[in-house]
Structure formats: structure tokens, C-alpha cells
Amino acid sequence: MVKIRLRRIGGKKEPYYRLVVADSRYPRDGRFIEEIGHYNPSTDPATVVVDADKAKDWIAKGAQPTETAKALLKKSGVID
């Protein structure tokens, strides 16, 4: 199954995430199909940047967002 999920790229005590489309069998920080955005919880307020067209396209193709990814997509206005 294809999922939209977060991939951690930040250092120790400095979380920074990329929103990626990946096969559910791949590891969290492993191989992915496409990057569709990024999320930085360290800033105030937290920064969320999502390519809405790519996200909607992948959801239309059947990609399932995880709980956290779904919350970020709702926050950025991609899904309702």
C-alpha cells in the first residue's frame, strides 16, 4: 500500500520532517517515491509547506495518509 507519511531528517533534538509518498513496506527514513512537502515543528508557529497539486493527485491515486500526515494536510488546506 502507498502511504503519505513523515520522514525525519533533522538532527538530535532538532526535528525536521519531509512529507513523502512511500510504500508502506519501506522503513520510515528509507526509500520513498516522491517528496510532496516539509514540516518544521521547531519554529513558532510550526512551518508546514505542502505541494497541494501533488498531494491531491496521490490521494486520488489511492495513497493513504497516516494520522499525522492527515492532520498536516488538513492544516495546510489540502483536504477537508
Protein backbone atom coordinates (compact mmCIF):
# COMPACT_ATOMS: atom_id res chain seq x y z
CA MET A 1 0.00 0.00 0.00
CA VAL A 2 1.20 3.50 -0.81
CA LYS A 3 1.17 5.91 2.13
CA ILE A 4 1.74 9.62 2.64
CA ARG A 5 3.87 9.93 5.76
CA LEU A 6 6.62 11.86 7.50
CA ARG A 7 10.32 11.16 7.02
CA ARG A 8 12.60 12.54 9.73
CA ILE A 9 15.72 14.33 8.50
CA GLY A 10 16.52 16.55 11.49
CA GLY A 11 19.40 16.08 13.88
CA LYS A 12 19.32 15.11 17.51
CA LYS A 13 16.85 17.32 19.44
CA GLU A 14 16.15 19.25 16.19
CA PRO A 15 13.25 17.51 14.45
CA TYR A 16 12.57 18.36 10.81
CA TYR A 17 10.37 16.25 8.59
CA ARG A 18 9.66 15.77 4.91
CA LEU A 19 6.21 14.74 3.76
CA VAL A 20 6.77 11.86 1.35
CA VAL A 21 4.83 9.27 -0.61
CA ALA A 22 6.27 5.81 0.12
CA ASP A 23 5.41 2.14 0.01
CA SER A 24 4.29 1.02 3.47
CA ARG A 25 6.90 -1.76 3.46
CA TYR A 26 9.82 0.70 3.28
CA PRO A 27 11.47 1.91 6.51
CA ARG A 28 10.50 5.32 7.93
CA ASP A 29 13.64 7.09 6.73
CA GLY A 30 14.26 4.76 3.79
CA ARG A 31 13.31 4.76 0.15
CA PHE A 32 10.37 6.86 -1.00
CA ILE A 33 8.54 7.55 -4.24
CA GLU A 34 8.12 11.34 -4.16
CA GLU A 35 8.55 14.26 -1.78
CA ILE A 36 5.47 16.48 -1.57
CA GLY A 37 6.32 18.89 1.25
CA HIS A 38 8.07 19.54 4.55
CA TYR A 39 7.23 20.25 8.19
CA ASN A 40 9.31 22.07 10.80
CA PRO A 41 7.83 21.84 14.31
CA SER A 42 10.74 23.81 15.84
CA THR A 43 9.60 27.19 14.51
CA ASP A 44 6.90 29.24 16.24
CA PRO A 45 4.35 28.69 14.74
CA ALA A 46 5.25 25.37 13.14
CA THR A 47 6.02 25.60 9.41
CA VAL A 48 4.07 23.37 7.02
CA VAL A 49 4.72 23.55 3.26
CA VAL A 50 2.80 21.15 1.01
CA ASP A 51 2.55 20.92 -2.79
CA ALA A 52 -1.26 20.71 -2.90
CA ASP A 53 -1.46 19.51 -6.50
CA LYS A 54 0.88 16.57 -5.88
CA ALA A 55 -0.86 15.66 -2.63
CA LYS A 56 -4.33 15.69 -4.20
CA ASP A 57 -3.02 13.67 -7.16
CA TRP A 58 -1.57 10.96 -4.90
CA ILE A 59 -4.72 10.80 -2.77
CA ALA A 60 -6.78 10.41 -5.97
CA LYS A 61 -4.48 7.53 -6.97
CA GLY A 62 -5.25 5.80 -3.66
CA ALA A 63 -2.41 6.85 -1.33
CA GLN A 64 -3.48 6.76 2.32
CA PRO A 65 -2.13 9.49 4.63
CA THR A 66 -1.08 8.50 8.15
CA GLU A 67 -2.77 10.18 11.13
CA THR A 68 -0.08 12.86 11.45
CA ALA A 69 0.16 13.43 7.71
CA LYS A 70 -3.63 13.79 7.50
CA ALA A 71 -3.56 16.42 10.26
CA LEU A 72 -0.84 18.36 8.42
CA LEU A 73 -2.74 18.15 5.12
CA LYS A 74 -5.86 19.48 6.86
CA LYS A 75 -3.85 22.27 8.48
CA SER A 76 -2.47 23.34 5.08
CA GLY A 77 -5.93 23.18 3.47
CA VAL A 78 -5.26 20.33 1.03
CA ILE A 79 -8.03 18.07 2.38
CA ASP A 80 -11.07 18.92 4.43
